[in-house]
Protein backbone atom coordinates (compact mmCIF):
# COMPACT_ATOMS: atom_id res chain seq x y z
CA UNK A 1 0.62 5.56 -2.60
CA UNK A 2 2.17 6.25 0.74
CA UNK A 3 2.56 4.67 4.14
CA UNK A 4 -0.36 6.73 5.47
CA UNK A 5 -2.68 5.95 2.56
CA UNK A 6 -1.79 2.39 1.52
CA UNK A 7 -3.02 0.41 4.56
CA UNK A 8 -6.55 1.92 4.59
CA UNK A 9 -6.72 1.64 0.81
CA UNK A 10 -5.68 -2.01 0.92
CA UNK A 11 -8.20 -2.68 3.70
CA UNK A 12 -11.01 -1.03 1.70
CA UNK A 13 -10.04 -2.95 -1.43
CA UNK A 14 -9.99 -6.20 0.53
CA UNK A 15 -13.37 -5.39 2.02
CA UNK A 16 -14.79 -4.92 -1.48
CA UNK A 17 -13.27 -8.23 -2.58
CA UNK A 18 -14.73 -9.98 0.46
CA UNK A 19 -18.19 -8.62 -0.25
CA UNK A 20 -18.14 -9.24 -4.01
CA UNK A 21 -16.25 -12.54 -3.91
CA UNK A 22 -16.93 -14.07 -0.47
CA UNK A 23 -15.76 -17.53 -1.56
CA UNK A 24 -12.01 -17.97 -1.98
CA UNK A 25 -11.60 -18.99 -5.60
CA UNK A 26 -9.21 -18.46 -8.47
CA UNK A 27 -10.67 -15.08 -9.39
CA UNK A 28 -10.26 -13.66 -5.91
CA UNK A 29 -6.78 -15.10 -5.49
CA UNK A 30 -5.79 -13.50 -8.80
CA UNK A 31 -7.30 -10.17 -7.71
CA UNK A 32 -5.46 -10.35 -4.38
CA UNK A 33 -2.13 -11.16 -6.04
CA UNK A 34 -2.54 -8.40 -8.62
CA UNK A 35 -3.49 -5.88 -5.93
CA UNK A 36 -0.57 -6.69 -3.64
CA UNK A 37 1.79 -6.80 -6.61
CA UNK A 38 0.68 -3.39 -7.86
CA UNK A 39 0.85 -1.79 -4.42
CA UNK A 40 4.27 -3.23 -3.58
CA UNK A 41 5.78 -2.56 -7.01
CA UNK A 42 4.62 1.05 -7.01
CA UNK A 43 5.28 1.85 -3.35
CA UNK A 44 8.71 0.22 -3.20
CA UNK A 45 9.64 1.93 -6.47
CA UNK A 46 8.55 5.26 -4.99
CA UNK A 47 10.59 4.59 -1.84
CA UNK A 48 13.63 3.64 -3.94
CA UNK A 49 13.13 6.74 -6.09
CA UNK A 50 12.84 4.92 -9.40
CA UNK A 51 12.61 7.38 -12.32
CA UNK A 52 9.30 6.02 -13.63
CA UNK A 53 7.57 7.12 -10.40
CA UNK A 54 8.34 10.81 -10.95
CA UNK A 55 4.87 11.64 -12.36
CA UNK A 56 3.27 10.08 -9.28
CA UNK A 57 5.21 11.98 -6.64
CA UNK A 58 5.14 15.20 -8.61
CA UNK A 59 1.34 14.96 -8.89
CA UNK A 60 1.29 14.61 -5.10
CA UNK A 61 3.47 17.72 -4.75
CA UNK A 62 6.23 15.80 -3.02
CA UNK A 63 9.95 16.43 -3.39
CA UNK A 64 10.63 12.78 -4.25
CA UNK A 65 9.14 9.31 -4.10
CA UNK A 66 10.66 8.66 -0.69
CA UNK A 67 9.37 12.02 0.56
CA UNK A 68 5.88 11.00 -0.57
CA UNK A 69 6.10 7.53 0.98
CA UNK A 70 7.37 8.80 4.34
CA UNK A 71 5.57 12.12 4.68
CA UNK A 72 2.47 11.96 2.46
CA UNK A 73 2.33 15.74 2.49
CA UNK A 74 1.43 15.57 6.20
CA UNK A 75 4.53 14.65 8.21
CA UNK A 76 7.90 16.38 8.21
CA UNK A 77 10.35 13.48 8.42
CA UNK A 78 13.79 14.13 6.94
CA UNK A 79 13.51 11.80 3.96
CA UNK A 80 16.92 12.92 2.64
CA UNK A 81 18.68 11.46 5.68
CA UNK A 82 16.77 8.21 5.93
CA UNK A 83 19.10 5.76 7.63
CA UNK A 84 19.08 2.07 8.37
CA UNK A 85 16.37 2.34 11.03
CA UNK A 86 14.06 4.18 8.60
CA UNK A 87 14.73 1.57 5.92
CA UNK A 88 14.03 -1.30 8.33
CA UNK A 89 10.80 0.28 9.58
CA UNK A 90 9.75 0.91 5.98
CA UNK A 91 10.45 -2.72 5.06
CA UNK A 92 8.37 -3.84 8.03
CA UNK A 93 5.50 -1.63 6.90
CA UNK A 94 5.72 -3.05 3.37
CA UNK A 95 5.56 -6.54 4.90
CA UNK A 96 2.18 -5.66 6.46
CA UNK A 97 0.53 -4.86 3.11
CA UNK A 98 -0.87 -8.38 2.56
CA UNK A 99 -2.23 -8.33 6.12
CA UNK A 100 -4.25 -5.15 5.48
CA UNK A 101 -5.78 -6.70 2.37
CA UNK A 102 -6.63 -9.94 4.22
CA UNK A 103 -8.18 -8.04 7.15
CA UNK A 104 -10.37 -6.16 4.69
CA UNK A 105 -11.39 -9.40 2.98
CA UNK A 106 -12.40 -10.96 6.31
CA UNK A 107 -14.43 -7.89 7.19
CA UNK A 108 -16.09 -7.88 3.78
CA UNK A 109 -16.97 -11.55 4.08
CA UNK A 110 -18.60 -10.96 7.48
CA UNK A 111 -20.66 -8.07 6.14
CA UNK A 112 -21.68 -10.10 3.06
CA UNK A 113 -22.99 -12.89 5.24
CA UNK A 114 -25.13 -10.54 7.37
């Protein structure tokens, strides 16, 4: 999971939910909560460099969890010197995760009704 991958992945997941479960019921709410919970728990843990995330960022050939979250193997941001502005921007990006899922759900619902 990374800032470049998570939003499209959440959108695609939401789109699938919207198509498979167009009506908002308990099952879809549970799926949404589990999805957001898993994404946030994993991504924030990567960003905070929690030890249990090591297999994830190593598999992605990153130098650390924060390196993976910020750079995704594409960018060259200095993840070692992440300051307050980087942390605030990262927190703002994390706050958008539910939005990406909801946008995907709305799109999936529209396509299911066509």
